[in-house]
PDB file of N, CA and C in Angstrom:
ATOM      1  N   MET A   1     112.571  86.937 102.773  1.00  0.00           N
ATOM      2  CA  MET A   1     111.483  86.026 102.497  1.00  0.00           C
ATOM      3  C   MET A   1     111.257  85.982 100.992  1.00  0.00           C
ATOM      4  N   LYS A   2     111.173  84.796 100.442  1.00  0.00           N
ATOM      5  CA  LYS A   2     110.853  84.622  99.031  1.00  0.00           C
ATOM      6  C   LYS A   2     109.461  84.023  98.934  1.00  0.00           C
ATOM      7  N   ILE A   3     108.658  84.560  98.018  1.00  0.00           N
ATOM      8  CA  ILE A   3     107.311  84.041  97.778  1.00  0.00           C
ATOM      9  C   ILE A   3     107.072  83.965  96.280  1.00  0.00           C
ATOM     10  N   SER A   4     106.074  83.192  95.880  1.00  0.00           N
ATOM     11  CA  SER A   4     105.815  82.988  94.457  1.00  0.00           C
ATOM     12  C   SER A   4     104.981  84.101  93.831  1.00  0.00           C
ATOM     13  N   ALA A   5     104.272  84.871  94.614  1.00  0.00           N
ATOM     14  CA  ALA A   5     103.417  85.929  94.060  1.00  0.00           C
ATOM     15  C   ALA A   5     104.275  86.994  93.382  1.00  0.00           C
ATOM     16  N   ARG A   6     103.935  87.336  92.166  1.00  0.00           N
ATOM     17  CA  ARG A   6     104.704  88.326  91.407  1.00  0.00           C
ATOM     18  C   ARG A   6     104.250  89.757  91.694  1.00  0.00           C
ATOM     19  N   ASN A   7     103.031  89.931  92.120  1.00  0.00           N
ATOM     20  CA  ASN A   7     102.495  91.268  92.350  1.00  0.00           C
ATOM     21  C   ASN A   7     102.774  91.696  93.784  1.00  0.00           C
ATOM     22  N   GLN A   8     103.917  92.351  93.983  1.00  0.00           N
ATOM     23  CA  GLN A   8     104.328  92.835  95.289  1.00  0.00           C
ATOM     24  C   GLN A   8     104.514  94.345  95.191  1.00  0.00           C
ATOM     25  N   ILE A   9     103.728  95.080  95.979  1.00  0.00           N
ATOM     26  CA  ILE A   9     103.736  96.533  95.889  1.00  0.00           C
ATOM     27  C   ILE A   9     104.061  97.110  97.266  1.00  0.00           C
ATOM     28  N   LYS A  10     105.187  97.811  97.350  1.00  0.00           N
ATOM     29  CA  LYS A  10     105.620  98.383  98.618  1.00  0.00           C
ATOM     30  C   LYS A  10     104.909  99.705  98.884  1.00  0.00           C
ATOM     31  N   GLY A  11     104.666  99.970 100.153  1.00  0.00           N
ATOM     32  CA  GLY A  11     104.028 101.215 100.540  1.00  0.00           C
ATOM     33  C   GLY A  11     104.116 101.423 102.033  1.00  0.00           C
ATOM     34  N   LYS A  12     103.270 102.336 102.517  1.00  0.00           N
ATOM     35  CA  LYS A  12     103.252 102.664 103.930  1.00  0.00           C
ATOM     36  C   LYS A  12     101.820 102.548 104.442  1.00  0.00           C
ATOM     37  N   ILE A  13     101.660 101.912 105.591  1.00  0.00           N
ATOM     38  CA  ILE A  13     100.331 101.783 106.194  1.00  0.00           C
ATOM     39  C   ILE A  13      99.855 103.161 106.629  1.00  0.00           C
ATOM     40  N   VAL A  14      98.655 103.535 106.177  1.00  0.00           N
ATOM     41  CA  VAL A  14      98.104 104.838 106.550  1.00  0.00           C
ATOM     42  C   VAL A  14      96.947 104.716 107.530  1.00  0.00           C
ATOM     43  N   GLU A  15      96.321 103.544 107.583  1.00  0.00           N
ATOM     44  CA  GLU A  15      95.179 103.376 108.489  1.00  0.00           C
ATOM     45  C   GLU A  15      94.886 101.897 108.703  1.00  0.00           C
ATOM     46  N   ILE A  16      94.428 101.587 109.906  1.00  0.00           N
ATOM     47  CA  ILE A  16      93.949 100.239 110.211  1.00  0.00           C
ATOM     48  C   ILE A  16      92.592 100.380 110.878  1.00  0.00           C
ATOM     49  N   GLU A  17      91.561  99.825 110.239  1.00  0.00           N
ATOM     50  CA  GLU A  17      90.213  99.824 110.810  1.00  0.00           C
ATOM     51  C   GLU A  17      90.034  98.487 111.516  1.00  0.00           C
ATOM     52  N   GLN A  18      89.961  98.530 112.833  1.00  0.00           N
ATOM     53  CA  GLN A  18      89.867  97.302 113.609  1.00  0.00           C
ATOM     54  C   GLN A  18      88.428  96.843 113.761  1.00  0.00           C
ATOM     55  N   GLY A  19      88.222  95.549 113.594  1.00  0.00           N
ATOM     56  CA  GLY A  19      86.921  94.938 113.794  1.00  0.00           C
ATOM     57  C   GLY A  19      87.024  93.866 114.861  1.00  0.00           C
ATOM     58  N   ALA A  20      85.946  93.152 115.083  1.00  0.00           N
ATOM     59  CA  ALA A  20      85.938  92.100 116.098  1.00  0.00           C
ATOM     60  C   ALA A  20      86.820  90.921 115.694  1.00  0.00           C
ATOM     61  N   VAL A  21      86.777  90.539 114.412  1.00  0.00           N
ATOM     62  CA  VAL A  21      87.535  89.384 113.934  1.00  0.00           C
ATOM     63  C   VAL A  21      88.557  89.789 112.869  1.00  0.00           C
ATOM     64  N   ASN A  22      88.147  90.628 111.937  1.00  0.00           N
ATOM     65  CA  ASN A  22      89.012  91.085 110.847  1.00  0.00           C
ATOM     66  C   ASN A  22      89.231  92.584 110.929  1.00  0.00           C
ATOM     67  N   GLY A  23      90.287  93.038 110.279  1.00  0.00           N
ATOM     68  CA  GLY A  23      90.558  94.461 110.178  1.00  0.00           C
ATOM     69  C   GLY A  23      90.861  94.814 108.738  1.00  0.00           C
ATOM     70  N   ILE A  24      90.731  96.093 108.411  1.00  0.00           N
ATOM     71  CA  ILE A  24      91.066  96.588 107.082  1.00  0.00           C
ATOM     72  C   ILE A  24      92.372  97.373 107.204  1.00  0.00           C
ATOM     73  N   VAL A  25      93.396  96.923 106.479  1.00  0.00           N
ATOM     74  CA  VAL A  25      94.690  97.596 106.470  1.00  0.00           C
ATOM     75  C   VAL A  25      94.785  98.375 105.168  1.00  0.00           C
ATOM     76  N   LYS A  26      95.021  99.691 105.278  1.00  0.00           N
ATOM     77  CA  LYS A  26      95.127 100.542 104.088  1.00  0.00           C
ATOM     78  C   LYS A  26      96.588 100.933 103.903  1.00  0.00           C
ATOM     79  N   ILE A  27      97.105 100.638 102.689  1.00  0.00           N
ATOM     80  CA  ILE A  27      98.505 100.890 102.368  1.00  0.00           C
ATOM     81  C   ILE A  27      98.580 101.903 101.236  1.00  0.00           C
ATOM     82  N   ASP A  28      99.284 103.008 101.487  1.00  0.00           N
ATOM     83  CA  ASP A  28      99.512 104.043 100.470  1.00  0.00           C
ATOM     84  C   ASP A  28     100.673 103.578  99.600  1.00  0.00           C
ATOM     85  N   ILE A  29     100.392 103.366  98.309  1.00  0.00           N
ATOM     86  CA  ILE A  29     101.424 102.875  97.396  1.00  0.00           C
ATOM     87  C   ILE A  29     101.949 103.991  96.492  1.00  0.00           C
ATOM     88  N   GLY A  30     101.577 105.223  96.796  1.00  0.00           N
ATOM     89  CA  GLY A  30     102.050 106.370  96.033  1.00  0.00           C
ATOM     90  C   GLY A  30     101.091 106.796  94.947  1.00  0.00           C
ATOM     91  N   GLY A  31     101.287 108.006  94.464  1.00  0.00           N
ATOM     92  CA  GLY A  31     100.463 108.535  93.382  1.00  0.00           C
ATOM     93  C   GLY A  31      99.006 108.683  93.753  1.00  0.00           C
ATOM     94  N   GLY A  32      98.718 108.816  95.051  1.00  0.00           N
ATOM     95  CA  GLY A  32      97.338 108.946  95.498  1.00  0.00           C
ATOM     96  C   GLY A  32      96.577 107.633  95.520  1.00  0.00           C
ATOM     97  N   ASN A  33      97.279 106.514  95.405  1.00  0.00           N
ATOM     98  CA  ASN A  33      96.649 105.193  95.374  1.00  0.00           C
ATOM     99  C   ASN A  33      96.779 104.476  96.715  1.00  0.00           C
ATOM    100  N   ILE A  34      95.661 103.917  97.166  1.00  0.00           N
ATOM    101  CA  ILE A  34      95.606 103.168  98.414  1.00  0.00           C
ATOM    102  C   ILE A  34      95.122 101.760  98.101  1.00  0.00           C
ATOM    103  N   ILE A  35      95.825 100.756  98.629  1.00  0.00           N
ATOM    104  CA  ILE A  35      95.367  99.368  98.540  1.00  0.00           C
ATOM    105  C   ILE A  35      94.837  98.985  99.908  1.00  0.00           C
ATOM    106  N   SER A  36      93.642  98.391  99.936  1.00  0.00           N
ATOM    107  CA  SER A  36      93.034  97.940 101.190  1.00  0.00           C
ATOM    108  C   SER A  36      93.019  96.418 101.224  1.00  0.00           C
ATOM    109  N   ALA A  37      93.329  95.868 102.392  1.00  0.00           N
ATOM    110  CA  ALA A  37      93.316  94.419 102.560  1.00  0.00           C
ATOM    111  C   ALA A  37      92.564  94.067 103.833  1.00  0.00           C
ATOM    112  N   SER A  38      91.704  93.072 103.738  1.00  0.00           N
ATOM    113  CA  SER A  38      90.991  92.572 104.906  1.00  0.00           C
ATOM    114  C   SER A  38      91.753  91.361 105.422  1.00  0.00           C
ATOM    115  N   ILE A  39      92.296  91.485 106.641  1.00  0.00           N
ATOM    116  CA  ILE A  39      93.027  90.379 107.245  1.00  0.00           C
ATOM    117  C   ILE A  39      92.567  90.208 108.691  1.00  0.00           C
ATOM    118  N   SER A  40      92.906  89.084 109.281  1.00  0.00           N
ATOM    119  CA  SER A  40      92.455  88.813 110.651  1.00  0.00           C
ATOM    120  C   SER A  40      93.142  89.748 111.643  1.00  0.00           C
ATOM    121  N   MET A  41      92.449  90.037 112.725  1.00  0.00           N
ATOM    122  CA  MET A  41      93.029  90.853 113.788  1.00  0.00           C
ATOM    123  C   MET A  41      94.232  90.139 114.390  1.00  0.00           C
ATOM    124  N   ASP A  42      94.193  88.814 114.441  1.00  0.00           N
ATOM    125  CA  ASP A  42      95.341  88.055 114.936  1.00  0.00           C
ATOM    126  C   ASP A  42      96.574  88.339 114.072  1.00  0.00           C
ATOM    127  N   SER A  43      96.403  88.377 112.753  1.00  0.00           N
ATOM    128  CA  SER A  43      97.525  88.659 111.853  1.00  0.00           C
ATOM    129  C   SER A  43      98.025  90.085 112.027  1.00  0.00           C
ATOM    130  N   ILE A  44      97.113  91.026 112.196  1.00  0.00           N
ATOM    131  CA  ILE A  44      97.501  92.418 112.414  1.00  0.00           C
ATOM    132  C   ILE A  44      98.379  92.517 113.665  1.00  0.00           C
ATOM    133  N   LYS A  45      97.989  91.819 114.711  1.00  0.00           N
ATOM    134  CA  LYS A  45      98.761  91.847 115.962  1.00  0.00           C
ATOM    135  C   LYS A  45     100.090  91.104 115.813  1.00  0.00           C
ATOM    136  N   GLU A  46     100.078  89.923 115.182  1.00  0.00           N
ATOM    137  CA  GLU A  46     101.297  89.136 115.020  1.00  0.00           C
ATOM    138  C   GLU A  46     102.338  89.858 114.162  1.00  0.00           C
ATOM    139  N   LEU A  47     101.882  90.581 113.138  1.00  0.00           N
ATOM    140  CA  LEU A  47     102.788  91.326 112.265  1.00  0.00           C
ATOM    141  C   LEU A  47     103.130  92.702 112.834  1.00  0.00           C
ATOM    142  N   ASP A  48     102.500  93.047 113.951  1.00  0.00           N
ATOM    143  CA  ASP A  48     102.712  94.345 114.614  1.00  0.00           C
ATOM    144  C   ASP A  48     102.476  95.501 113.637  1.00  0.00           C
ATOM    145  N   LEU A  49     101.357  95.408 112.890  1.00  0.00           N
ATOM    146  CA  LEU A  49     101.039  96.439 111.914  1.00  0.00           C
ATOM    147  C   LEU A  49     100.530  97.691 112.621  1.00  0.00           C
ATOM    148  N   LYS A  50     101.049  98.847 112.161  1.00  0.00           N
ATOM    149  CA  LYS A  50     100.662 100.142 112.720  1.00  0.00           C
ATOM    150  C   LYS A  50     100.757 101.188 111.620  1.00  0.00           C
ATOM    151  N   ALA A  51      99.958 102.239 111.739  1.00  0.00           N
ATOM    152  CA  ALA A  51     100.041 103.344 110.782  1.00  0.00           C
ATOM    153  C   ALA A  51     101.457 103.909 110.801  1.00  0.00           C
ATOM    154  N   GLY A  52     101.989 104.196 109.614  1.00  0.00           N
ATOM    155  CA  GLY A  52     103.327 104.743 109.475  1.00  0.00           C
ATOM    156  C   GLY A  52     104.386 103.685 109.191  1.00  0.00           C
ATOM    157  N   LYS A  53     104.051 102.418 109.395  1.00  0.00           N
ATOM    158  CA  LYS A  53     104.999 101.325 109.180  1.00  0.00           C
ATOM    159  C   LYS A  53     105.033 100.943 107.701  1.00  0.00           C
ATOM    160  N   GLU A  54     106.229 100.651 107.188  1.00  0.00           N
ATOM    161  CA  GLU A  54     106.372 100.168 105.815  1.00  0.00           C
ATOM    162  C   GLU A  54     105.774  98.768 105.719  1.00  0.00           C
ATOM    163  N   ALA A  55     105.131  98.481 104.581  1.00  0.00           N
ATOM    164  CA  ALA A  55     104.521  97.172 104.362  1.00  0.00           C
ATOM    165  C   ALA A  55     104.488  96.895 102.867  1.00  0.00           C
ATOM    166  N   THR A  56     104.283  95.640 102.527  1.00  0.00           N
ATOM    167  CA  THR A  56     104.167  95.246 101.126  1.00  0.00           C
ATOM    168  C   THR A  56     102.828  94.571 100.900  1.00  0.00           C
ATOM    169  N   ALA A  57     102.076  95.062  99.919  1.00  0.00           N
ATOM    170  CA  ALA A  57     100.828  94.414  99.504  1.00  0.00           C
ATOM    171  C   ALA A  57     101.227  93.304  98.533  1.00  0.00           C
ATOM    172  N   ILE A  58     100.830  92.089  98.839  1.00  0.00           N
ATOM    173  CA  ILE A  58     101.151  90.936  97.995  1.00  0.00           C
ATOM    174  C   ILE A  58      99.845  90.406  97.438  1.00  0.00           C
ATOM    175  N   ILE A  59      99.726  90.438  96.112  1.00  0.00           N
ATOM    176  CA  ILE A  59      98.461  90.104  95.466  1.00  0.00           C
ATOM    177  C   ILE A  59      98.623  88.823  94.674  1.00  0.00           C
ATOM    178  N   LYS A  60      97.824  87.832  95.028  1.00  0.00           N
ATOM    179  CA  LYS A  60      97.838  86.544  94.326  1.00  0.00           C
ATOM    180  C   LYS A  60      96.378  86.176  94.068  1.00  0.00           C
ATOM    181  N   ALA A  61      95.997  86.162  92.821  1.00  0.00           N
ATOM    182  CA  ALA A  61      94.599  85.891  92.490  1.00  0.00           C
ATOM    183  C   ALA A  61      94.520  85.010  91.249  1.00  0.00           C
ATOM    184  N   SER A  62      93.527  84.151  91.231  1.00  0.00           N
ATOM    185  CA  SER A  62      93.340  83.301  90.066  1.00  0.00           C
ATOM    186  C   SER A  62      92.562  84.016  88.969  1.00  0.00           C
ATOM    187  N   SER A  63      91.857  85.095  89.327  1.00  0.00           N
ATOM    188  CA  SER A  63      91.147  85.880  88.334  1.00  0.00           C
ATOM    189  C   SER A  63      91.054  87.335  88.769  1.00  0.00           C
ATOM    190  N   VAL A  64      91.002  88.208  87.802  1.00  0.00           N
ATOM    191  CA  VAL A  64      90.860  89.633  88.066  1.00  0.00           C
ATOM    192  C   VAL A  64      89.692  90.130  87.239  1.00  0.00           C
ATOM    193  N   MET A  65      88.788  90.865  87.865  1.00  0.00           N
ATOM    194  CA  MET A  65      87.636  91.419  87.156  1.00  0.00           C
ATOM    195  C   MET A  65      87.906  92.895  86.840  1.00  0.00           C
ATOM    196  N   VAL A  66      87.458  93.332  85.672  1.00  0.00           N
ATOM    197  CA  VAL A  66      87.611  94.721  85.263  1.00  0.00           C
ATOM    198  C   VAL A  66      86.245  95.250  84.865  1.00  0.00           C
ATOM    199  N   GLY A  67      85.937  96.467  85.311  1.00  0.00           N
ATOM    200  CA  GLY A  67      84.670  97.092  84.949  1.00  0.00           C
ATOM    201  C   GLY A  67      84.885  98.519  84.482  1.00  0.00           C
ATOM    202  N   VAL A  68      83.959  99.026  83.730  1.00  0.00           N
ATOM    203  CA  VAL A  68      84.009 100.414  83.269  1.00  0.00           C
ATOM    204  C   VAL A  68      82.670 101.069  83.533  1.00  0.00           C
ATOM    205  N   ASN A  69      82.649 102.381  83.610  1.00  0.00           N
ATOM    206  CA  ASN A  69      81.398 103.135  83.801  1.00  0.00           C
ATOM    207  C   ASN A  69      80.753 103.449  82.480  1.00  0.00           C
TER     208      ASN A  69
END
């Protein structure tokens, strides 16, 4: 599959929090870093996402906010 998004980060699914409509998929990308994505439960089922499965976080955004403490 080819896509236009340049920010593609491979990892392993470590947890899926299921909700009524959406779920939170947590992907371990290494170095103690976890990326979380909110996607529909239909997509979770269609992609057959499960903990332990390899996955790629694909990030496409028109803006990124940065904050400091």
